[in-house]
Amino acid sequence: MQPAQPRSHSTRKLLPIAAALALSLSACGGGGGGTAAVNPTAANATLKGAVIDAPIANATVTFTTGAPMGQPGSLVVGTATADASGNYTVQASLPNTSAPLFANATSPDGKVVLTAYLGTSSAVLAAGSLTSANLPNLVISQVTTAALAVYIAAGGSYANLTPTLYAALLSQHHDDILALSAAIKAVADGYCARPAGYADTDDMARGIARNGMATSTPSALNSAASTLGSSCDGNLKALMQYIASDERWAPELDLGDVLEQGAPAVAPGTYSLQGVLAQSGMSALPMLPTPPASTASAASVPTPASTLPPGILNTVVTVDASGNISSADGSVTGVIVGNLMTLTVNDGQGNTYVLAGKAGLLPSGFVVGSTAPTSAPSAPASGASSTSSSTGAAIGYGLRMGGRTQSGGVLTRFDAVLVPQNSQPGWMQIGQSGTSHDDGISCGNTSGMFGVRLMGTGASVGGLVLGACVMPQTAGLNLSPALPGGNGHEYGDDDFKPGASVSFTGFSLNSTNGTPYILKAPTGITITQSNPSGQTSTLTGQMFYVMGAKDMIFSTAAPGSSGSNALFVMNENPLDTLQENRTHQDH
């Protein structure tokens, strides 16, 4: 039995993976064939990771090439059994070919099935020994499973899957992957029942993705809400923000998340670290599965506790040639390996955060008016770790991270930049070049303006979709509602409430004092929801955006209040064009 068709949803045109990324595939050599082309000569690699939605004890872990387990063209190259905490070690016999490599996990009862793409077999083989610390997708999770389900639903082929294609998938379908991840976690953790007709979570994910992407109004969140039923809506809202703010899953949502090779992506030097810390209010303590007894949802995700308003961090840090990160006052320590970063941050207000995520290069022109970072090594290990010594060669990095407070374990989103001291952001450069995946939003013919689809996560704005037209300004960004007409004429809307419309008052995001890479709109941004019956409700708060971030932070929190922080996440657009290294973008 197939689930019900998705509810009515505004028109959103996402480019089919197979067609939209053909140039990326050809530029990078494309993917190889299936397992029929595998070289019989193989060697062993040691891979350590975890099976985590909540930790799945004693899960069966299987590594395959060509395709995920059970799919045509798959070839088993290693197996193991996870321990009581979901951790595993696999000795895999990997072919030295470009065949895609997958990790698969099945719970002892067979109801939770998860899968992950790891990159090419030859790249993993060359590394010899890997853990999730340098290959995030070795954590086989709801995020990795959702990404592959959306990939296939959008027209992709396992045999042609490459790191380049996977990176483009995560960027262009970010909100669909996040929504589907929440649906998988809701069922695997027992907060919502698995619908009848689906054998396991992977089967369900494929069905939700297939229905969500197949209509003229594609949306994985809308499809998930229809499939799981209205009693699960609250859990989906909360879990989307939970996933985006957790240090285990935030890296899996961004910039490729398969094997990264080469020297640290961040060049050694001294930088200004400017960022926004946004507590979700949700506890990071493990939520153990409690399967519901019927098709009704189980208990809801715990209600967020009182949350601090977003905090702005502004300090000077040094990155050494080994990738170690530190500040002179000791408030920031961490390490960067490839483009994977871990940080421990003291915000100066009595809160310490443990964070992890990805770093990417801000495009040329986004950072101006300074010199390249100092103290580059005289003989770098590779071009990836070298720095330019010429004046004006300003290089900056965008950080997308999640984590938790060290005390209490409150999940927290951290959007930040690492930029040369005394540099300035080139906000007017945004949108000047490159392709805009505007999701069909119409902004007219105004020069320099582009469309952005903002999907809300969290209890306060979960499922609300804002169709915004963005106009870069010297000191920030102006946002206005999308124009009627075109593919985006129905934006905004509410993925959980058919027929409801969502609007917002236009606003300006301006740089804050001393932190020009952080934009803020003061309290007074009003979001209005109108139901088909004519009833309206409003929500007022403030918005934050950090250059290069994948989301905007919307907050109704105030000191001593019961407000909350939420995220409006985006698909690829001119605000979101981070590169993984200096020579090319992944797509």
Protein backbone atom coordinates (compact mmCIF):
# COMPACT_ATOMS: atom_id res chain seq x y z
CA MET A 1 0.00 0.00 0.00
CA GLN A 2 1.34 3.43 -0.90
CA PRO A 3 0.87 6.38 1.42
CA ALA A 4 -1.53 9.16 0.60
CA GLN A 5 -0.48 11.72 -1.96
CA PRO A 6 1.15 14.86 -0.56
CA ARG A 7 -1.05 17.74 0.38
CA SER A 8 -1.43 20.75 -1.88
CA HIS A 9 1.80 22.69 -1.91
CA SER A 10 3.18 25.74 -3.65
CA THR A 11 4.98 25.18 -6.91
CA ARG A 12 8.70 24.64 -6.47
CA LYS A 13 10.86 23.67 -9.42
CA LEU A 14 13.90 21.69 -8.37
CA LEU A 15 16.22 20.65 -11.16
CA PRO A 16 16.34 16.87 -11.76
CA ILE A 17 19.65 15.55 -10.47
CA ALA A 18 20.50 13.57 -13.60
CA ALA A 19 20.06 16.54 -15.95
CA ALA A 20 21.03 19.48 -13.78
CA LEU A 21 24.39 18.05 -12.79
CA ALA A 22 25.49 16.47 -16.05
CA LEU A 23 28.16 19.13 -16.51
CA SER A 24 29.49 18.51 -13.00
CA LEU A 25 29.76 14.82 -13.71
CA SER A 26 31.58 15.26 -17.00
CA ALA A 27 33.94 17.83 -15.51
CA CYS A 28 35.00 15.45 -12.77
CA GLY A 29 35.16 12.30 -14.83
CA GLY A 30 31.69 11.09 -13.94
CA GLY A 31 30.85 7.90 -12.15
CA GLY A 32 31.91 4.46 -13.25
CA GLY A 33 29.66 1.57 -14.04
CA GLY A 34 28.13 -0.83 -11.54
CA THR A 35 29.82 -3.71 -9.84
CA ALA A 36 30.35 -5.45 -13.17
CA ALA A 37 33.32 -3.12 -13.73
CA VAL A 38 34.93 -3.77 -10.33
CA ASN A 39 38.59 -4.75 -10.47
CA PRO A 40 38.94 -8.16 -8.79
CA THR A 41 42.22 -6.99 -7.21
CA ALA A 42 41.28 -5.70 -3.76
CA ALA A 43 42.93 -4.72 -0.49
CA ASN A 44 41.79 -4.28 3.10
CA ALA A 45 40.76 -1.06 4.80
CA THR A 46 39.74 -0.54 8.43
CA LEU A 47 36.61 1.59 8.90
CA LYS A 48 35.19 2.65 12.26
CA GLY A 49 31.87 4.37 12.76
CA ALA A 50 28.47 4.11 14.37
CA VAL A 51 24.85 3.31 13.61
CA ILE A 52 23.10 6.29 15.10
CA ASP A 53 19.61 7.57 15.03
CA ALA A 54 19.45 6.86 18.63
CA PRO A 55 22.33 4.35 18.96
CA ILE A 56 21.18 1.05 17.46
CA ALA A 57 22.68 -1.77 19.51
CA ASN A 58 23.84 -4.94 17.74
CA ALA A 59 22.98 -3.62 14.30
CA THR A 60 24.26 -5.63 11.34
CA VAL A 61 26.67 -3.45 9.33
CA THR A 62 27.38 -4.32 5.70
CA PHE A 63 29.67 -2.48 3.28
CA THR A 64 28.84 -2.72 -0.44
CA THR A 65 30.15 -1.29 -3.69
CA GLY A 66 28.07 -0.34 -6.71
CA ALA A 67 24.81 0.19 -4.83
CA PRO A 68 23.35 -0.07 -1.32
CA MET A 69 22.61 -3.51 0.10
CA GLY A 70 19.74 -5.27 -1.67
CA GLN A 71 19.81 -2.98 -4.69
CA PRO A 72 20.79 -4.19 -8.19
CA GLY A 73 24.54 -4.06 -8.76
CA SER A 74 25.58 -4.22 -5.10
CA LEU A 75 28.58 -6.30 -4.03
CA VAL A 76 29.32 -7.06 -0.36
CA VAL A 77 32.91 -6.16 0.62
CA GLY A 78 32.74 -6.26 4.45
CA THR A 79 30.46 -7.03 7.39
CA ALA A 80 30.42 -6.46 11.15
CA THR A 81 28.05 -6.28 14.13
CA ALA A 82 27.71 -3.05 16.09
CA ASP A 83 28.18 -3.09 19.85
CA ALA A 84 25.66 -2.07 22.51
CA SER A 85 26.35 1.63 21.77
CA GLY A 86 25.97 1.24 18.02
CA ASN A 87 29.73 1.45 17.35
CA TYR A 88 31.33 -0.83 14.77
CA THR A 89 34.67 -1.68 13.15
CA VAL A 90 34.71 -3.21 9.66
CA GLN A 91 37.61 -4.82 7.85
CA ALA A 92 36.54 -4.26 4.24
CA SER A 93 38.15 -5.72 1.14
CA LEU A 94 37.84 -2.77 -1.23
CA PRO A 95 38.44 -2.78 -4.99
CA ASN A 96 40.85 -0.13 -6.26
CA THR A 97 38.25 1.38 -8.61
CA SER A 98 35.97 4.39 -8.80
CA ALA A 99 32.95 2.28 -7.83
CA PRO A 100 30.79 4.05 -5.21
CA LEU A 101 31.09 2.65 -1.68
CA PHE A 102 28.12 2.34 0.68
CA ALA A 103 27.68 1.50 4.36
CA ASN A 104 24.43 -0.23 5.34
CA ALA A 105 22.95 -0.99 8.75
CA THR A 106 19.98 -3.05 9.89
CA SER A 107 18.58 -3.22 13.44
CA PRO A 108 18.20 -6.70 15.01
CA ASP A 109 14.43 -6.63 14.43
CA GLY A 110 14.87 -5.51 10.82
CA LYS A 111 12.63 -2.46 11.23
CA VAL A 112 15.33 0.20 11.12
CA VAL A 113 17.43 0.12 7.93
CA LEU A 114 19.89 2.93 7.25
CA THR A 115 22.46 3.49 4.51
CA ALA A 116 25.27 5.93 3.70
CA TYR A 117 27.44 6.89 0.72
CA LEU A 118 31.17 7.11 1.51
CA GLY A 119 32.78 8.15 -1.78
CA THR A 120 34.76 6.09 -4.26
CA SER A 121 36.15 2.75 -3.20
CA SER A 122 39.67 3.70 -4.34
CA ALA A 123 39.72 6.90 -2.26
CA VAL A 124 38.66 5.08 0.89
CA LEU A 125 41.12 2.27 0.16
CA ALA A 126 43.97 4.78 -0.23
CA ALA A 127 43.25 6.15 3.25
CA GLY A 128 43.68 2.67 4.74
CA SER A 129 42.12 3.43 8.11
CA LEU A 130 39.29 5.87 8.73
CA THR A 131 36.91 6.88 11.51
CA SER A 132 33.92 9.20 11.57
CA ALA A 133 36.29 11.94 12.77
CA ASN A 134 37.63 12.27 9.22
CA LEU A 135 34.78 10.66 7.26
CA PRO A 136 31.44 11.84 8.74
CA ASN A 137 29.26 9.44 6.76
CA LEU A 138 30.76 6.48 8.64
CA VAL A 139 28.02 7.47 11.08
CA ILE A 140 25.23 5.64 9.25
CA SER A 141 22.24 7.81 10.05
CA GLN A 142 18.87 9.18 9.09
CA VAL A 143 20.64 12.02 7.24
CA THR A 144 22.72 9.76 5.01
CA THR A 145 19.67 7.58 4.36
CA ALA A 146 17.51 10.57 3.45
CA ALA A 147 20.12 11.96 1.07
CA LEU A 148 20.25 8.74 -0.96
CA ALA A 149 16.44 8.45 -1.03
CA VAL A 150 16.11 11.99 -2.39
CA TYR A 151 18.92 11.34 -4.88
CA ILE A 152 17.12 8.35 -6.40
CA ALA A 153 13.72 10.07 -6.30
CA ALA A 154 15.20 13.04 -8.20
CA GLY A 155 16.40 10.78 -11.00
CA GLY A 156 19.89 9.78 -9.85
CA SER A 157 21.68 6.48 -10.46
CA TYR A 158 23.81 4.65 -7.88
CA ALA A 159 26.33 3.62 -10.52
CA ASN A 160 26.91 7.28 -11.46
CA LEU A 161 27.10 8.66 -7.92
CA THR A 162 30.27 10.67 -7.29
CA PRO A 163 31.43 13.01 -4.48
CA THR A 164 30.74 15.97 -6.78
CA LEU A 165 27.20 14.84 -7.46
CA TYR A 166 26.59 14.12 -3.78
CA ALA A 167 27.76 17.60 -2.78
CA ALA A 168 25.38 19.17 -5.31
CA LEU A 169 22.56 16.97 -4.01
CA LEU A 170 23.07 18.21 -0.44
CA SER A 171 23.08 21.83 -1.57
CA GLN A 172 20.23 21.86 -4.07
CA HIS A 173 17.92 19.60 -2.02
CA HIS A 174 18.99 20.65 1.47
CA ASP A 175 15.52 21.27 2.86
CA ASP A 176 14.08 18.04 1.42
CA ILE A 177 16.92 15.99 2.93
CA LEU A 178 16.49 17.67 6.31
CA ALA A 179 12.72 17.08 6.33
CA LEU A 180 13.07 13.44 5.30
CA SER A 181 15.77 12.95 7.95
CA ALA A 182 13.30 14.14 10.58
CA ALA A 183 10.68 11.66 9.34
CA ILE A 184 13.13 8.74 9.54
CA LYS A 185 14.25 9.74 13.03
CA ALA A 186 10.67 10.17 14.22
CA VAL A 187 9.86 6.58 13.24
CA ALA A 188 13.18 4.96 14.18
CA ASP A 189 13.07 6.54 17.65
CA GLY A 190 9.46 5.59 18.24
CA TYR A 191 7.97 9.08 18.33
CA CYS A 192 5.76 8.29 15.36
CA ALA A 193 4.60 4.96 13.96
CA ARG A 194 5.89 3.56 10.69
CA PRO A 195 2.97 3.65 8.24
CA ALA A 196 1.49 0.37 7.11
CA GLY A 197 2.80 -0.94 3.83
CA TYR A 198 6.44 -0.10 4.45
CA ALA A 199 8.84 -2.86 5.48
CA ASP A 200 11.43 -0.64 7.21
CA THR A 201 12.70 2.93 7.54
CA ASP A 202 14.66 2.83 4.27
CA ASP A 203 11.61 1.61 2.39
CA MET A 204 9.57 4.38 3.99
CA ALA A 205 12.18 7.03 3.14
CA ARG A 206 12.14 6.00 -0.50
CA GLY A 207 8.35 6.16 -0.58
CA ILE A 208 8.19 9.62 1.02
CA ALA A 209 10.90 10.93 -1.29
CA ARG A 210 9.31 9.40 -4.35
CA ASN A 211 5.89 10.93 -3.62
CA GLY A 212 7.41 14.22 -2.52
CA MET A 213 9.45 14.70 -5.66
CA ALA A 214 7.07 13.23 -8.25
CA THR A 215 4.34 15.87 -8.23
CA SER A 216 4.33 19.33 -9.79
CA THR A 217 4.51 20.70 -6.25
CA PRO A 218 7.56 18.86 -4.83
CA SER A 219 8.23 18.87 -1.08
CA ALA A 220 9.59 16.07 1.09
CA LEU A 221 8.21 17.75 4.23
CA ASN A 222 4.72 17.94 2.79
CA SER A 223 4.96 14.28 1.75
CA ALA A 224 6.33 13.27 5.18
CA ALA A 225 3.50 15.09 6.96
CA SER A 226 0.90 13.36 4.78
CA THR A 227 2.52 9.94 5.21
CA LEU A 228 3.00 10.05 8.98
CA GLY A 229 -0.23 11.87 9.83
CA SER A 230 -1.01 15.11 11.61
CA SER A 231 -0.21 13.65 15.05
CA CYS A 232 3.45 13.59 13.99
CA ASP A 233 3.63 17.22 12.81
CA GLY A 234 5.01 18.58 16.07
CA ASN A 235 7.77 15.97 16.13
CA LEU A 236 8.78 16.74 12.55
CA LYS A 237 9.06 20.46 13.33
CA ALA A 238 11.25 19.84 16.36
CA LEU A 239 13.42 17.10 14.85
CA MET A 240 14.40 19.16 11.81
CA GLN A 241 16.00 21.71 14.10
CA TYR A 242 17.36 18.96 16.36
CA ILE A 243 19.23 17.38 13.44
CA ALA A 244 20.58 20.68 12.07
CA SER A 245 21.94 21.57 15.54
CA ASP A 246 23.58 18.24 16.46
CA GLU A 247 27.34 17.90 15.94
CA ARG A 248 26.97 14.32 14.67
CA TRP A 249 24.60 15.25 11.86
CA ALA A 250 25.42 18.87 11.01
CA PRO A 251 28.57 17.78 9.08
CA GLU A 252 26.54 15.19 7.15
CA LEU A 253 24.19 17.90 5.87
CA ASP A 254 26.87 20.03 4.25
CA LEU A 255 29.62 20.29 1.64
CA GLY A 256 29.97 16.73 0.45
CA ASP A 257 30.46 14.73 3.64
CA VAL A 258 32.36 11.95 1.93
CA LEU A 259 36.09 11.36 2.09
CA GLU A 260 38.07 14.61 1.91
CA GLN A 261 41.69 14.39 0.83
CA GLY A 262 44.66 16.71 1.16
CA ALA A 263 45.96 19.22 3.69
CA PRO A 264 43.72 21.34 5.94
CA ALA A 265 41.27 23.46 3.96
CA VAL A 266 41.86 26.43 6.26
CA ALA A 267 45.24 28.06 5.66
CA PRO A 268 47.47 28.66 8.70
CA GLY A 269 47.25 32.22 9.97
CA THR A 270 45.47 34.63 12.30
CA TYR A 271 41.79 35.31 11.76
CA SER A 272 38.79 37.13 13.09
CA LEU A 273 36.15 34.62 14.22
CA GLN A 274 32.67 36.14 14.00
CA GLY A 275 29.57 34.03 14.55
CA VAL A 276 26.13 33.54 16.08
CA LEU A 277 25.34 30.86 18.67
CA ALA A 278 21.66 29.88 18.73
CA GLN A 279 20.47 27.45 21.38
CA SER A 280 17.57 25.25 20.27
CA GLY A 281 16.39 24.59 23.83
CA MET A 282 16.36 20.84 23.09
CA SER A 283 18.43 18.40 25.12
CA ALA A 284 21.15 16.42 23.33
CA LEU A 285 20.69 13.43 25.64
CA PRO A 286 20.06 10.23 23.65
CA MET A 287 16.42 9.52 22.94
CA LEU A 288 16.12 5.74 23.03
CA PRO A 289 13.63 4.00 20.74
CA THR A 290 10.23 3.26 22.27
CA PRO A 291 8.14 1.72 19.48
CA PRO A 292 4.50 2.82 19.66
CA ALA A 293 1.88 0.16 20.21
CA SER A 294 -0.39 1.34 17.40
CA THR A 295 -0.47 3.53 14.32
CA ALA A 296 -0.89 6.57 16.56
CA SER A 297 2.18 8.62 17.41
CA ALA A 298 4.08 7.87 20.57
CA ALA A 299 5.06 10.59 23.02
CA SER A 300 6.21 13.87 21.50
CA VAL A 301 9.77 15.10 21.45
CA PRO A 302 10.33 16.92 24.77
CA THR A 303 9.19 20.53 24.69
CA PRO A 304 12.14 22.94 24.43
CA ALA A 305 13.20 24.53 27.67
CA SER A 306 13.69 28.28 28.10
CA THR A 307 16.27 29.39 25.56
CA LEU A 308 18.83 32.17 25.61
CA PRO A 309 18.66 34.77 22.82
CA PRO A 310 21.24 34.25 20.07
CA GLY A 311 24.74 35.16 21.20
CA ILE A 312 27.32 36.92 19.03
CA LEU A 313 30.91 35.69 19.22
CA ASN A 314 33.74 37.98 18.09
CA THR A 315 37.35 37.03 18.81
CA VAL A 316 40.76 36.59 17.19
CA VAL A 317 42.01 33.03 16.62
CA THR A 318 45.14 31.44 15.20
CA VAL A 319 45.28 28.34 13.01
CA ASP A 320 48.68 26.60 12.96
CA ALA A 321 50.20 24.40 10.26
CA SER A 322 48.79 21.28 11.94
CA GLY A 323 45.24 22.64 11.91
CA ASN A 324 45.09 23.51 15.63
CA ILE A 325 42.88 26.48 16.47
CA SER A 326 43.25 28.70 19.52
CA SER A 327 42.58 32.19 20.84
CA ALA A 328 44.98 34.20 23.01
CA ASP A 329 42.53 34.30 25.92
CA GLY A 330 41.79 30.55 25.74
CA SER A 331 38.10 31.06 24.99
CA VAL A 332 38.33 29.12 21.71
CA THR A 333 40.20 25.88 21.03
CA GLY A 334 39.79 23.31 18.28
CA VAL A 335 41.18 21.56 15.24
CA ILE A 336 40.57 21.53 11.49
CA VAL A 337 41.16 18.34 9.49
CA GLY A 338 40.38 18.67 5.80
CA ASN A 339 37.28 20.81 5.98
CA LEU A 340 36.03 19.16 9.17
CA MET A 341 36.24 21.39 12.21
CA THR A 342 35.68 20.85 15.93
CA LEU A 343 35.58 23.75 18.38
CA THR A 344 35.18 24.35 22.09
CA VAL A 345 33.90 27.88 22.62
CA ASN A 346 33.37 29.92 25.79
CA ASP A 347 30.97 32.75 24.99
CA GLY A 348 32.04 34.93 27.89
CA GLN A 349 28.57 34.67 29.43
CA GLY A 350 29.24 31.51 31.42
CA ASN A 351 28.38 29.10 28.61
CA THR A 352 30.79 26.66 26.97
CA TYR A 353 29.87 24.93 23.71
CA VAL A 354 31.30 21.82 22.03
CA LEU A 355 30.75 22.15 18.28
CA ALA A 356 31.50 20.30 15.04
CA GLY A 357 30.85 20.99 11.38
CA LYS A 358 32.28 21.98 8.03
CA ALA A 359 34.36 24.89 6.75
CA GLY A 360 34.17 26.15 3.17
CA LEU A 361 35.83 28.95 1.23
CA LEU A 362 33.84 32.12 0.74
CA PRO A 363 33.77 33.03 -2.97
CA SER A 364 36.22 35.53 -4.39
CA GLY A 365 35.04 39.07 -3.73
CA PHE A 366 33.09 38.22 -0.59
CA VAL A 367 36.06 39.25 1.59
CA VAL A 368 37.73 42.56 0.72
CA GLY A 369 40.04 45.24 2.06
CA SER A 370 42.73 43.22 3.75
CA THR A 371 45.64 40.85 3.18
CA ALA A 372 45.86 37.09 3.19
CA PRO A 373 46.32 35.39 6.57
CA THR A 374 49.85 35.64 7.93
CA SER A 375 52.29 32.99 9.18
CA ALA A 376 51.90 30.53 6.31
CA PRO A 377 54.45 27.68 6.42
CA SER A 378 57.48 28.13 4.18
CA ALA A 379 57.00 24.70 2.64
CA PRO A 380 53.33 23.69 2.77
CA ALA A 381 52.42 20.03 2.39
CA SER A 382 50.31 20.82 -0.66
CA GLY A 383 48.68 23.66 -2.54
CA ALA A 384 45.64 23.26 -0.33
CA SER A 385 47.56 24.51 2.71
CA SER A 386 49.49 27.35 1.09
CA THR A 387 48.57 31.02 1.42
CA SER A 388 49.12 33.95 -0.84
CA SER A 389 51.58 36.58 0.31
CA SER A 390 50.26 39.27 -2.01
CA THR A 391 48.39 42.23 -0.58
CA GLY A 392 44.67 42.15 -1.22
CA ALA A 393 44.41 38.35 -1.65
CA ALA A 394 41.75 38.16 1.03
CA ILE A 395 40.61 34.61 1.79
CA GLY A 396 37.75 33.87 4.15
CA TYR A 397 35.92 30.77 5.32
CA GLY A 398 32.31 30.08 6.25
CA LEU A 399 31.64 27.72 9.17
CA ARG A 400 28.44 25.68 9.48
CA MET A 401 28.38 23.85 12.79
CA GLY A 402 26.17 22.23 15.40
CA GLY A 403 26.85 21.11 18.94
CA ARG A 404 25.80 21.39 22.53
CA THR A 405 26.41 23.26 25.73
CA GLN A 406 29.07 21.53 27.81
CA SER A 407 26.83 21.80 30.84
CA GLY A 408 23.27 20.62 30.29
CA GLY A 409 23.77 19.47 26.71
CA VAL A 410 21.47 21.98 25.01
CA LEU A 411 21.72 21.59 21.23
CA THR A 412 23.05 24.71 19.53
CA ARG A 413 23.54 25.95 15.97
CA PHE A 414 26.72 27.93 15.23
CA ASP A 415 27.05 29.94 12.00
CA ALA A 416 30.35 31.80 11.68
CA VAL A 417 33.18 33.07 9.49
CA LEU A 418 36.96 32.93 9.77
CA VAL A 419 38.21 36.05 7.97
CA PRO A 420 41.39 38.17 7.92
CA GLN A 421 41.50 40.82 10.61
CA ASN A 422 40.19 44.22 9.58
CA SER A 423 38.68 42.85 6.38
CA GLN A 424 35.19 43.81 5.24
CA PRO A 425 32.41 41.75 3.64
CA GLY A 426 31.57 42.40 0.00
CA TRP A 427 27.81 42.11 0.38
CA MET A 428 27.29 43.79 -3.00
CA GLN A 429 29.23 40.96 -4.68
CA ILE A 430 26.55 38.42 -3.76
CA GLY A 431 24.51 37.42 -6.77
CA GLN A 432 26.85 39.07 -9.29
CA SER A 433 27.84 35.74 -10.82
CA GLY A 434 26.95 32.06 -10.73
CA THR A 435 23.70 30.19 -11.06
CA SER A 436 20.77 30.81 -8.75
CA HIS A 437 18.63 27.78 -7.88
CA ASP A 438 15.71 29.98 -6.88
CA ASP A 439 13.11 27.20 -6.54
CA GLY A 440 10.82 28.96 -9.01
CA ILE A 441 10.41 32.12 -6.92
CA SER A 442 9.61 35.16 -9.03
CA CYS A 443 11.42 38.43 -8.26
CA GLY A 444 10.84 40.27 -11.53
CA ASN A 445 13.64 41.78 -13.56
CA THR A 446 15.29 43.94 -10.92
CA SER A 447 19.03 43.80 -11.50
CA GLY A 448 20.96 42.08 -8.71
CA MET A 449 17.86 40.67 -6.95
CA PHE A 450 17.43 36.90 -6.54
CA GLY A 451 14.92 34.51 -5.02
CA VAL A 452 15.41 32.43 -1.89
CA ARG A 453 13.13 29.79 -0.43
CA LEU A 454 13.27 29.82 3.39
CA MET A 455 11.79 26.74 5.12
CA GLY A 456 11.19 27.06 8.85
CA THR A 457 12.28 24.47 11.41
CA GLY A 458 11.56 24.30 15.12
CA ALA A 459 8.36 24.52 17.13
CA SER A 460 7.62 28.19 16.41
CA VAL A 461 8.06 28.33 12.60
CA GLY A 462 8.35 24.67 11.58
CA GLY A 463 6.93 24.09 8.10
CA LEU A 464 6.39 27.78 7.31
CA VAL A 465 7.81 28.67 3.90
CA LEU A 466 8.84 32.21 3.06
CA GLY A 467 9.42 33.09 -0.59
CA ALA A 468 11.83 36.00 -0.37
CA CYS A 469 13.49 38.28 -2.90
CA VAL A 470 16.95 39.35 -1.75
CA MET A 471 18.66 42.58 -2.79
CA PRO A 472 22.28 42.97 -1.63
CA GLN A 473 23.20 46.32 -0.10
CA THR A 474 26.54 47.82 0.90
CA ALA A 475 25.95 47.04 4.57
CA GLY A 476 23.73 43.97 4.28
CA LEU A 477 20.64 42.57 2.59
CA ASN A 478 17.07 43.69 1.96
CA LEU A 479 14.39 40.98 1.91
CA SER A 480 10.95 41.44 0.41
CA PRO A 481 8.10 38.99 -0.34
CA ALA A 482 8.26 37.16 -3.66
CA LEU A 483 6.15 38.52 -6.51
CA PRO A 484 2.92 36.81 -7.60
CA GLY A 485 3.03 34.87 -10.84
CA GLY A 486 5.54 32.36 -12.21
CA ASN A 487 6.27 29.05 -10.55
CA GLY A 488 6.45 30.60 -7.10
CA HIS A 489 3.13 32.45 -7.07
CA GLU A 490 1.84 30.61 -4.01
CA TYR A 491 4.82 31.26 -1.72
CA GLY A 492 4.70 31.39 1.21
CA ASP A 493 2.76 28.51 2.59
CA ASP A 494 2.66 26.01 5.42
CA ASP A 495 3.72 22.45 4.57
CA PHE A 496 1.64 21.13 7.48
CA LYS A 497 -1.60 22.98 6.75
CA PRO A 498 -3.10 22.66 3.24
CA GLY A 499 -4.50 25.89 1.95
CA ALA A 500 -2.80 28.09 4.54
CA SER A 501 -0.75 31.02 3.26
CA VAL A 502 2.23 32.68 4.92
CA SER A 503 3.45 36.23 4.41
CA PHE A 504 6.03 38.46 6.03
CA THR A 505 6.84 42.12 6.25
CA GLY A 506 9.88 43.15 4.23
CA PHE A 507 12.95 43.88 6.31
CA SER A 508 16.62 44.82 6.14
CA LEU A 509 19.45 42.76 7.58
CA ASN A 510 22.27 45.10 8.57
CA SER A 511 25.76 44.51 9.94
CA THR A 512 26.21 44.75 13.69
CA ASN A 513 28.74 46.98 15.37
CA GLY A 514 32.26 45.50 15.14
CA THR A 515 31.05 42.33 13.37
CA PRO A 516 30.41 43.30 9.74
CA TYR A 517 30.00 39.66 8.60
CA ILE A 518 26.96 39.23 10.89
CA LEU A 519 23.67 40.75 9.80
CA LYS A 520 20.75 41.40 12.11
CA ALA A 521 17.19 42.65 11.80
CA PRO A 522 15.82 43.97 15.11
CA THR A 523 12.66 42.78 16.79
CA GLY A 524 9.71 43.68 14.61
CA ILE A 525 9.89 41.14 11.77
CA THR A 526 6.32 39.91 11.47
CA ILE A 527 5.27 36.60 9.93
CA THR A 528 1.55 36.17 9.29
CA GLN A 529 -0.27 32.90 8.66
CA SER A 530 -3.74 32.96 7.09
CA ASN A 531 -5.95 29.85 7.17
CA PRO A 532 -8.53 29.05 4.46
CA SER A 533 -11.26 30.07 6.92
CA GLY A 534 -9.82 33.60 7.03
CA GLN A 535 -8.32 33.38 10.50
CA THR A 536 -4.84 34.85 10.91
CA SER A 537 -2.06 34.53 13.43
CA THR A 538 1.18 36.47 13.69
CA LEU A 539 4.67 35.84 15.02
CA THR A 540 7.15 38.63 15.69
CA GLY A 541 10.88 38.26 16.26
CA GLN A 542 14.36 39.14 15.07
CA MET A 543 16.52 37.60 12.34
CA PHE A 544 20.27 36.90 12.10
CA TYR A 545 22.39 35.91 9.12
CA VAL A 546 26.12 35.19 8.89
CA MET A 547 27.86 35.40 5.50
CA GLY A 548 28.03 31.94 3.89
CA ALA A 549 25.46 30.35 6.23
CA LYS A 550 22.89 27.80 5.06
CA ASP A 551 20.18 29.26 7.28
CA MET A 552 18.83 32.39 8.89
CA ILE A 553 18.23 32.36 12.63
CA PHE A 554 14.79 33.61 13.73
CA SER A 555 14.38 34.33 17.42
CA THR A 556 11.53 35.25 19.73
CA ALA A 557 13.76 34.65 22.76
CA ALA A 558 14.58 37.37 25.25
CA PRO A 559 16.36 37.23 28.63
CA GLY A 560 14.04 35.57 31.12
CA SER A 561 11.33 34.92 28.54
CA SER A 562 9.84 31.69 27.22
CA GLY A 563 10.65 32.47 23.59
CA SER A 564 12.63 30.25 21.24
CA ASN A 565 15.25 30.25 18.51
CA ALA A 566 14.36 28.71 15.16
CA LEU A 567 16.04 28.22 11.79
CA PHE A 568 14.93 29.12 8.28
CA VAL A 569 16.97 26.78 6.07
CA MET A 570 17.79 27.34 2.40
CA ASN A 571 18.56 25.44 -0.76
CA GLU A 572 21.45 26.56 -2.95
CA ASN A 573 21.33 30.25 -3.89
CA PRO A 574 23.82 33.13 -4.23
CA LEU A 575 24.02 33.41 -0.43
CA ASP A 576 25.17 29.79 -0.27
CA THR A 577 28.14 29.19 -2.56
CA LEU A 578 30.89 27.87 -0.28
CA GLN A 579 33.78 26.04 -1.96
CA GLU A 580 35.66 23.09 -0.46
CA ASN A 581 39.06 24.19 -1.77
CA ARG A 582 40.67 27.00 -3.74
CA THR A 583 40.73 25.26 -7.10
CA HIS A 584 37.06 24.44 -7.62
CA GLN A 585 33.58 24.16 -6.22
CA ASP A 586 32.09 20.71 -5.88
CA HIS A 587 29.34 21.65 -8.31
